[in-house]
Amino acid sequence: MTNLFMGLNTLAGALPTLPANGPTADFYTQWSQLLTPLPHIFLTLIMLFMHSIALIFYYVANTVFEAYQSSFKLLDFMNIFFQPNNAVYQDWNLGNILKDFLYLGFVIFGIMMMVQWIQFTATSGRKGREWPKGITITIAVITALPWMIGLMTSIGTSTINDTSGDKQKNVITQLWQGNSTDLHSLAHLNFDMKKYKNDKNTFKDADAKITGSDYHSVMSDAGYTDGLTKPQKSVFTKKIGGNSNMVDITGDSLVLGKTFADDYPVMKTNWLGIIGGEIVFIIVVAGAIVRLLSSVYKMAFMAGSIVYFGLRDGTQGKRVQQVLSMIEGQITGIVMMPISLIFFFAWVEFAFNIINGLGLDMWPFTILSIAALLAGGKGLAGGFEMIEQ
């Protein structure tokens, strides 16, 4: 999935590149959403605090998504009643459970056959003639069930691999990339936003960048202006003051140093967008895992119990068809759940592409983007309920 969470909304418009002689008042005015310095002590503390919180959810989100991808390996449990060599089958004596289902089914089947014979005799053959058809259907379904489950499981697994693949591996890192701007890289490109968006090196090693120090560092820290030209460096030594005049911000206090001097962050970040997006992502994916494994469990139990229910109504074959239909429904759910999750990602990308073009300020952008995530999560939950029904 490309371009997911593409940049802050303020980047959507056409912004001027850095003038050859350095920044001007008009340059700072048009870049005000990104180039707004804050007191060094306040900026550093808030970045450390927010970065720590965002990292907690980052690790949780990656763990949850890895668990989601690995959860499909549990699909084999659906065939547990047909794998006598499996250690779990042997440890829990699942073969005895099948025998109990079979014995009880035959007892009930005998009773139902007696009822059919009584009806046939009492009505001179008008009723009780369904048992040959019912027995044929029941035996055919029970005999072919392991093959059918194996085939449906293979189809389901293939569908999951086709829809998931490697596309979603960077969903969370794209969330960070889309809600933050690397001012050092942007300055190196002379504040050419088009080049910045197409630059693959900024987040080349996304995990190292997210977990590193960039998100709680300022441009005056050692090394962050290395490699920049003098006009590029001067962007971070000035700000626009009253009456649209530029003010130098490099003057340190003799007593306090640069503690309360204005400074620019290395990463201009929409923390609420990142943290809110991570929380929604965690809830959505964790819910998908629970629903997926619930379907696998139900599927396995129904596959084993169909022996009893089939024989219980073996004279007509209706019950075994109902159970088979329920098994088909669970397979459909297993296949549709990852597709529904990908549709959620598609909705998020579509919504953020539209929101990015609205030219909103940071807070309206944040509210609307979080609302889009929540709406997608609610729609996904509704889709899961529809699948289960």
Protein backbone atom coordinates (compact mmCIF):
# COMPACT_ATOMS: atom_id res chain seq x y z
CA MET A 1 0.00 0.00 0.00
CA THR A 2 1.69 3.19 -1.18
CA ASN A 3 1.20 6.77 -0.08
CA LEU A 4 -0.81 5.75 2.99
CA PHE A 5 -1.23 8.72 5.35
CA MET A 6 0.57 10.99 2.86
CA GLY A 7 1.92 13.91 4.79
CA LEU A 8 0.35 16.58 6.88
CA ASN A 9 -2.51 18.53 5.38
CA THR A 10 -0.43 21.68 5.40
CA LEU A 11 1.87 20.16 2.84
CA ALA A 12 -0.87 19.75 0.29
CA GLY A 13 -0.68 23.25 -1.14
CA ALA A 14 2.06 24.69 -3.36
CA LEU A 15 4.78 26.02 -1.04
CA PRO A 16 7.75 28.11 -2.20
CA THR A 17 11.25 26.69 -2.27
CA LEU A 18 14.05 28.35 -0.32
CA PRO A 19 15.27 31.57 -1.98
CA ALA A 20 18.89 31.50 -3.12
CA ASN A 21 19.93 34.18 -0.59
CA GLY A 22 18.18 32.54 2.34
CA PRO A 23 14.74 32.77 3.94
CA THR A 24 12.53 35.83 3.72
CA ALA A 25 9.56 36.96 5.79
CA ASP A 26 7.20 35.74 3.08
CA PHE A 27 8.95 32.35 3.11
CA TYR A 28 8.39 31.96 6.87
CA THR A 29 4.77 33.07 6.51
CA GLN A 30 3.95 30.44 3.91
CA TRP A 31 5.84 27.73 5.80
CA SER A 32 4.41 28.74 9.17
CA GLN A 33 2.81 25.33 9.82
CA LEU A 34 6.22 23.69 9.75
CA LEU A 35 8.58 26.50 10.68
CA THR A 36 7.24 27.59 14.06
CA PRO A 37 9.97 27.51 16.72
CA LEU A 38 9.26 26.98 20.41
CA PRO A 39 11.33 27.49 23.57
CA HIS A 40 14.05 24.86 23.73
CA ILE A 41 13.15 23.44 27.15
CA PHE A 42 9.44 23.16 26.36
CA LEU A 43 10.03 21.71 22.89
CA THR A 44 12.49 19.09 24.17
CA LEU A 45 10.28 17.95 27.08
CA ILE A 46 7.10 17.68 25.03
CA MET A 47 8.90 15.76 22.28
CA LEU A 48 10.45 13.33 24.77
CA PHE A 49 7.10 12.74 26.44
CA MET A 50 5.08 12.31 23.25
CA HIS A 51 7.77 10.23 21.54
CA SER A 52 7.83 7.83 24.51
CA ILE A 53 4.05 7.36 24.41
CA ALA A 54 3.99 6.97 20.62
CA LEU A 55 6.81 4.39 20.79
CA ILE A 56 4.86 2.26 23.27
CA PHE A 57 1.92 2.04 20.87
CA TYR A 58 4.34 1.58 17.95
CA TYR A 59 5.79 -1.55 19.52
CA VAL A 60 2.33 -2.82 20.47
CA ALA A 61 0.97 -2.15 16.97
CA ASN A 62 3.84 -4.00 15.30
CA THR A 63 3.42 -6.90 17.72
CA VAL A 64 -0.32 -7.08 17.07
CA PHE A 65 0.13 -7.01 13.31
CA GLU A 66 2.81 -9.71 13.47
CA ALA A 67 0.43 -11.78 15.57
CA TYR A 68 -2.31 -11.22 12.96
CA GLN A 69 -0.09 -12.49 10.16
CA SER A 70 0.96 -15.50 12.23
CA SER A 71 -2.60 -16.32 13.31
CA PHE A 72 -3.37 -17.86 9.91
CA LYS A 73 -1.00 -20.70 10.74
CA LEU A 74 -3.68 -21.89 13.18
CA LEU A 75 -6.01 -22.70 10.30
CA ASP A 76 -4.71 -26.26 10.45
CA PHE A 77 -6.73 -26.73 13.65
CA MET A 78 -9.83 -26.99 11.48
CA ASN A 79 -8.63 -30.43 10.39
CA ILE A 80 -7.72 -31.63 13.88
CA PHE A 81 -10.41 -34.34 13.95
CA PHE A 82 -9.01 -35.79 10.73
CA GLN A 83 -5.34 -35.91 11.81
CA PRO A 84 -4.92 -38.99 14.04
CA ASN A 85 -1.13 -38.65 13.98
CA ASN A 86 -1.26 -35.12 15.39
CA ALA A 87 0.14 -34.83 18.92
CA VAL A 88 -2.85 -32.78 20.10
CA TYR A 89 -5.24 -35.38 18.68
CA GLN A 90 -3.47 -38.07 20.65
CA ASP A 91 -2.85 -36.09 23.86
CA TRP A 92 -6.52 -35.16 24.24
CA ASN A 93 -7.95 -38.43 22.91
CA LEU A 94 -9.95 -36.69 20.23
CA GLY A 95 -10.46 -40.07 18.58
CA ASN A 96 -12.56 -41.12 21.59
CA ILE A 97 -14.69 -38.02 21.14
CA LEU A 98 -15.30 -39.00 17.53
CA LYS A 99 -16.24 -42.49 18.68
CA ASP A 100 -18.69 -41.06 21.21
CA PHE A 101 -20.22 -38.88 18.49
CA LEU A 102 -20.42 -41.91 16.21
CA TYR A 103 -21.97 -44.26 18.82
CA LEU A 104 -24.50 -41.68 19.97
CA GLY A 105 -25.29 -40.86 16.34
CA PHE A 106 -25.98 -44.48 15.51
CA VAL A 107 -28.31 -44.82 18.53
CA ILE A 108 -30.28 -41.76 17.47
CA PHE A 109 -30.17 -42.94 13.85
CA GLY A 110 -31.69 -46.29 14.89
CA ILE A 111 -34.47 -44.52 16.74
CA MET A 112 -35.20 -42.30 13.75
CA MET A 113 -35.23 -45.29 11.42
CA MET A 114 -37.79 -46.94 13.69
CA VAL A 115 -39.91 -43.78 13.52
CA GLN A 116 -39.61 -43.84 9.72
CA TRP A 117 -40.66 -47.52 9.62
CA ILE A 118 -43.68 -46.83 11.85
CA GLN A 119 -44.73 -43.90 9.64
CA PHE A 120 -44.23 -45.99 6.51
CA THR A 121 -46.33 -48.83 7.91
CA ALA A 122 -49.07 -46.68 9.41
CA THR A 123 -49.58 -44.58 6.26
CA SER A 124 -49.25 -47.42 3.76
CA GLY A 125 -46.06 -45.93 2.36
CA ARG A 126 -47.26 -42.34 2.04
CA LYS A 127 -44.74 -41.17 4.71
CA GLY A 128 -41.39 -42.50 5.84
CA ARG A 129 -39.96 -42.94 2.38
CA GLU A 130 -37.23 -40.29 2.74
CA TRP A 131 -34.61 -42.45 4.46
CA PRO A 132 -32.76 -43.77 1.36
CA LYS A 133 -32.20 -40.23 0.13
CA GLY A 134 -31.29 -38.99 3.61
CA ILE A 135 -28.79 -41.79 4.23
CA THR A 136 -27.17 -41.21 0.85
CA ILE A 137 -26.73 -37.48 1.52
CA THR A 138 -25.43 -38.05 5.05
CA ILE A 139 -22.88 -40.70 4.09
CA ALA A 140 -21.72 -38.70 1.08
CA VAL A 141 -21.17 -35.52 3.12
CA ILE A 142 -19.42 -37.25 6.04
CA THR A 143 -17.18 -39.22 3.68
CA ALA A 144 -16.20 -36.19 1.62
CA LEU A 145 -15.92 -33.79 4.59
CA PRO A 146 -12.13 -34.09 5.19
CA TRP A 147 -11.47 -33.48 1.49
CA MET A 148 -13.88 -30.53 1.38
CA ILE A 149 -12.39 -28.90 4.49
CA GLY A 150 -8.88 -29.37 3.15
CA LEU A 151 -9.84 -27.84 -0.18
CA MET A 152 -11.67 -24.89 1.39
CA THR A 153 -8.77 -24.32 3.80
CA SER A 154 -6.30 -24.24 0.91
CA ILE A 155 -8.48 -21.76 -0.98
CA GLY A 156 -8.84 -19.63 2.15
CA THR A 157 -5.09 -19.66 2.81
CA SER A 158 -4.33 -18.74 -0.82
CA THR A 159 -6.80 -15.87 -0.68
CA ILE A 160 -5.23 -14.61 2.53
CA ASN A 161 -1.74 -14.76 1.02
CA ASP A 162 -2.90 -12.94 -2.11
CA THR A 163 -4.63 -10.16 -0.18
CA SER A 164 -2.11 -9.72 2.61
CA GLY A 165 1.26 -10.46 1.02
CA ASP A 166 3.94 -7.94 1.96
CA LYS A 167 1.87 -4.83 1.31
CA GLN A 168 0.84 -4.15 4.89
CA LYS A 169 4.22 -4.55 6.55
CA ASN A 170 4.82 -0.80 6.72
CA VAL A 171 1.36 0.43 7.68
CA ILE A 172 2.55 1.78 11.03
CA THR A 173 5.78 3.26 9.67
CA GLN A 174 3.77 4.97 6.94
CA LEU A 175 1.56 6.39 9.67
CA TRP A 176 4.65 7.95 11.27
CA GLN A 177 6.02 9.12 7.94
CA GLY A 178 2.74 10.70 6.91
CA ASN A 179 2.33 12.60 10.18
CA SER A 180 5.86 13.95 10.42
CA THR A 181 8.25 16.00 8.32
CA ASP A 182 12.04 15.78 8.52
CA LEU A 183 13.13 19.42 8.48
CA HIS A 184 16.79 18.49 8.00
CA SER A 185 16.01 16.50 4.83
CA LEU A 186 13.56 19.16 3.67
CA ALA A 187 16.20 21.87 4.10
CA HIS A 188 18.77 19.76 2.25
CA LEU A 189 16.32 19.75 -0.70
CA ASN A 190 15.87 23.55 -0.48
CA PHE A 191 12.34 23.07 0.87
CA ASP A 192 11.18 21.55 -2.39
CA MET A 193 8.18 19.60 -1.10
CA LYS A 194 7.73 17.64 -4.33
CA LYS A 195 11.28 16.33 -4.14
CA TYR A 196 10.87 15.62 -0.43
CA LYS A 197 7.77 13.49 -1.00
CA ASN A 198 9.56 11.50 -3.70
CA ASP A 199 12.72 11.07 -1.64
CA LYS A 200 12.97 7.41 -0.57
CA ASN A 201 16.00 7.95 1.67
CA THR A 202 14.24 9.93 4.40
CA PHE A 203 12.52 6.82 5.80
CA LYS A 204 14.79 4.25 4.19
CA ASP A 205 15.38 2.59 7.56
CA ALA A 206 12.02 3.49 9.07
CA ASP A 207 12.34 1.50 12.29
CA ALA A 208 15.74 3.01 13.12
CA LYS A 209 14.46 6.49 12.43
CA ILE A 210 11.29 6.06 14.50
CA THR A 211 13.08 4.55 17.49
CA GLY A 212 16.11 6.85 17.21
CA SER A 213 16.71 10.33 18.57
CA ASP A 214 15.42 12.39 15.62
CA TYR A 215 11.91 12.63 17.04
CA HIS A 216 13.08 14.27 20.26
CA SER A 217 15.97 16.37 18.92
CA VAL A 218 16.19 19.99 17.82
CA MET A 219 18.02 21.50 14.86
CA SER A 220 20.57 23.23 17.11
CA ASP A 221 21.80 19.86 18.39
CA ALA A 222 25.16 18.72 17.07
CA GLY A 223 25.17 17.24 13.58
CA TYR A 224 21.73 18.21 12.34
CA THR A 225 22.87 21.13 10.21
CA ASP A 226 25.91 19.31 8.84
CA GLY A 227 25.93 19.18 5.07
CA LEU A 228 23.60 22.16 4.71
CA THR A 229 24.53 25.31 2.84
CA LYS A 230 24.66 28.66 4.59
CA PRO A 231 21.19 29.75 3.30
CA GLN A 232 19.76 26.40 4.35
CA LYS A 233 21.28 26.68 7.85
CA SER A 234 20.01 30.23 8.23
CA VAL A 235 16.40 28.97 8.08
CA PHE A 236 16.85 27.54 11.58
CA THR A 237 18.55 30.59 13.05
CA LYS A 238 15.70 32.98 12.41
CA LYS A 239 11.94 33.32 12.82
CA ILE A 240 9.29 35.80 11.78
CA GLY A 241 8.51 38.30 14.52
CA GLY A 242 6.19 41.23 14.95
CA ASN A 243 5.33 43.35 11.95
CA SER A 244 6.52 40.47 9.75
CA ASN A 245 10.13 41.20 10.58
CA MET A 246 12.67 38.39 10.86
CA VAL A 247 14.26 37.87 14.27
CA ASP A 248 17.52 36.09 15.07
CA ILE A 249 17.02 33.25 17.59
CA THR A 250 20.65 32.20 18.09
CA GLY A 251 21.39 34.54 20.99
CA ASP A 252 21.90 32.54 24.19
CA SER A 253 21.43 33.93 27.69
CA LEU A 254 24.63 34.19 29.72
CA VAL A 255 22.88 32.52 32.65
CA LEU A 256 20.43 30.08 31.08
CA GLY A 257 22.20 29.37 27.81
CA LYS A 258 19.67 28.21 25.20
CA THR A 259 17.20 26.81 27.74
CA PHE A 260 14.49 29.29 26.86
CA ALA A 261 15.76 30.26 23.42
CA ASP A 262 13.50 29.39 20.49
CA ASP A 263 14.42 26.30 18.51
CA TYR A 264 13.12 24.15 15.66
CA PRO A 265 12.44 20.40 15.99
CA VAL A 266 14.24 18.00 13.66
CA MET A 267 10.93 16.23 13.04
CA LYS A 268 7.82 18.39 12.81
CA THR A 269 5.30 15.86 14.10
CA ASN A 270 1.55 15.52 14.51
CA TRP A 271 1.72 13.40 17.66
CA LEU A 272 -2.02 13.11 18.13
CA GLY A 273 -2.43 11.76 14.61
CA ILE A 274 0.28 9.14 15.18
CA ILE A 275 -0.89 8.00 18.61
CA GLY A 276 -4.58 8.05 17.69
CA GLY A 277 -3.91 6.11 14.50
CA GLU A 278 -1.84 3.53 16.36
CA ILE A 279 -4.56 2.99 18.97
CA VAL A 280 -7.26 2.51 16.33
CA PHE A 281 -4.99 0.17 14.37
CA ILE A 282 -4.29 -1.95 17.48
CA ILE A 283 -7.98 -2.25 18.34
CA VAL A 284 -9.00 -3.12 14.78
CA VAL A 285 -6.31 -5.74 14.18
CA ALA A 286 -6.66 -7.30 17.65
CA GLY A 287 -10.40 -7.63 17.03
CA ALA A 288 -9.71 -9.29 13.67
CA ILE A 289 -7.43 -11.84 15.37
CA VAL A 290 -10.09 -12.78 17.93
CA ARG A 291 -12.79 -13.15 15.28
CA LEU A 292 -10.50 -15.19 13.03
CA LEU A 293 -9.51 -17.65 15.76
CA SER A 294 -13.13 -17.87 16.93
CA SER A 295 -14.11 -18.96 13.42
CA VAL A 296 -11.31 -21.56 13.34
CA TYR A 297 -12.48 -23.00 16.67
CA LYS A 298 -16.12 -23.16 15.60
CA MET A 299 -15.13 -24.70 12.30
CA ALA A 300 -13.10 -27.46 13.97
CA PHE A 301 -15.88 -28.34 16.41
CA MET A 302 -18.54 -28.44 13.71
CA ALA A 303 -16.32 -30.63 11.52
CA GLY A 304 -16.12 -33.17 14.33
CA SER A 305 -19.72 -32.98 15.51
CA ILE A 306 -21.17 -33.32 12.01
CA VAL A 307 -20.83 -37.10 12.46
CA TYR A 308 -23.40 -37.00 15.28
CA PHE A 309 -25.72 -34.42 13.74
CA GLY A 310 -25.59 -36.18 10.39
CA LEU A 311 -26.60 -39.53 11.85
CA ARG A 312 -29.15 -37.91 14.13
CA ASP A 313 -31.10 -36.74 11.11
CA GLY A 314 -29.68 -39.29 8.69
CA THR A 315 -33.08 -40.42 7.48
CA GLN A 316 -33.68 -37.04 5.84
CA GLY A 317 -30.23 -35.50 5.45
CA LYS A 318 -31.39 -31.98 6.33
CA ARG A 319 -29.31 -31.58 9.49
CA VAL A 320 -26.04 -32.54 7.84
CA GLN A 321 -26.73 -30.00 5.09
CA GLN A 322 -27.34 -27.32 7.73
CA VAL A 323 -24.06 -28.10 9.50
CA LEU A 324 -22.24 -28.15 6.16
CA SER A 325 -23.74 -24.75 5.39
CA MET A 326 -22.47 -23.45 8.75
CA ILE A 327 -18.99 -24.80 7.98
CA GLU A 328 -19.11 -23.02 4.62
CA GLY A 329 -20.09 -19.84 6.45
CA GLN A 330 -17.08 -20.09 8.76
CA ILE A 331 -14.77 -20.65 5.78
CA THR A 332 -16.29 -17.59 4.12
CA GLY A 333 -15.66 -15.59 7.28
CA ILE A 334 -12.03 -16.71 7.43
CA VAL A 335 -11.51 -15.63 3.82
CA MET A 336 -13.47 -12.38 4.08
CA MET A 337 -11.93 -11.08 7.30
CA PRO A 338 -8.49 -10.25 5.85
CA ILE A 339 -10.21 -8.80 2.78
CA SER A 340 -12.32 -6.61 5.09
CA LEU A 341 -9.18 -5.50 6.91
CA ILE A 342 -7.52 -4.51 3.64
CA PHE A 343 -10.67 -2.60 2.68
CA PHE A 344 -10.23 -0.72 5.96
CA PHE A 345 -6.70 0.26 4.89
CA ALA A 346 -8.04 1.30 1.47
CA TRP A 347 -10.64 3.51 3.16
CA VAL A 348 -7.97 5.13 5.34
CA GLU A 349 -5.75 5.88 2.35
CA PHE A 350 -8.66 7.33 0.37
CA ALA A 351 -9.84 9.43 3.32
CA PHE A 352 -6.39 10.81 4.09
CA ASN A 353 -5.72 11.67 0.46
CA ILE A 354 -8.92 13.77 0.48
CA ILE A 355 -8.24 15.29 3.91
CA ASN A 356 -4.70 16.23 2.86
CA GLY A 357 -6.13 18.37 0.07
CA LEU A 358 -8.54 20.37 2.22
CA GLY A 359 -5.94 22.82 3.50
CA LEU A 360 -6.97 22.44 7.14
CA ASP A 361 -4.98 23.59 10.13
CA MET A 362 -3.38 20.98 12.36
CA TRP A 363 -6.21 20.50 14.86
CA PRO A 364 -9.09 20.27 12.36
CA PHE A 365 -6.90 17.91 10.35
CA THR A 366 -6.25 15.78 13.45
CA ILE A 367 -9.93 15.62 14.42
CA LEU A 368 -11.02 14.70 10.91
CA SER A 369 -8.27 12.11 10.45
CA ILE A 370 -9.03 10.41 13.78
CA ALA A 371 -12.75 10.46 12.90
CA ALA A 372 -11.93 8.75 9.59
CA LEU A 373 -9.98 6.06 11.43
CA LEU A 374 -12.79 5.51 13.94
CA ALA A 375 -15.38 5.39 11.15
CA GLY A 376 -13.28 2.83 9.31
CA GLY A 377 -12.94 0.76 12.47
CA LYS A 378 -16.67 0.88 13.12
CA GLY A 379 -17.40 -0.07 9.52
CA LEU A 380 -14.94 -2.95 9.77
CA ALA A 381 -16.67 -4.24 12.91
CA GLY A 382 -20.00 -4.01 11.11
CA GLY A 383 -18.53 -5.95 8.21
CA PHE A 384 -17.37 -8.68 10.56
CA GLU A 385 -20.85 -8.94 12.08
CA MET A 386 -22.38 -9.19 8.58
CA ILE A 387 -19.94 -12.00 7.71
CA GLU A 388 -20.81 -13.90 10.88
CA GLN A 389 -24.53 -13.58 10.13
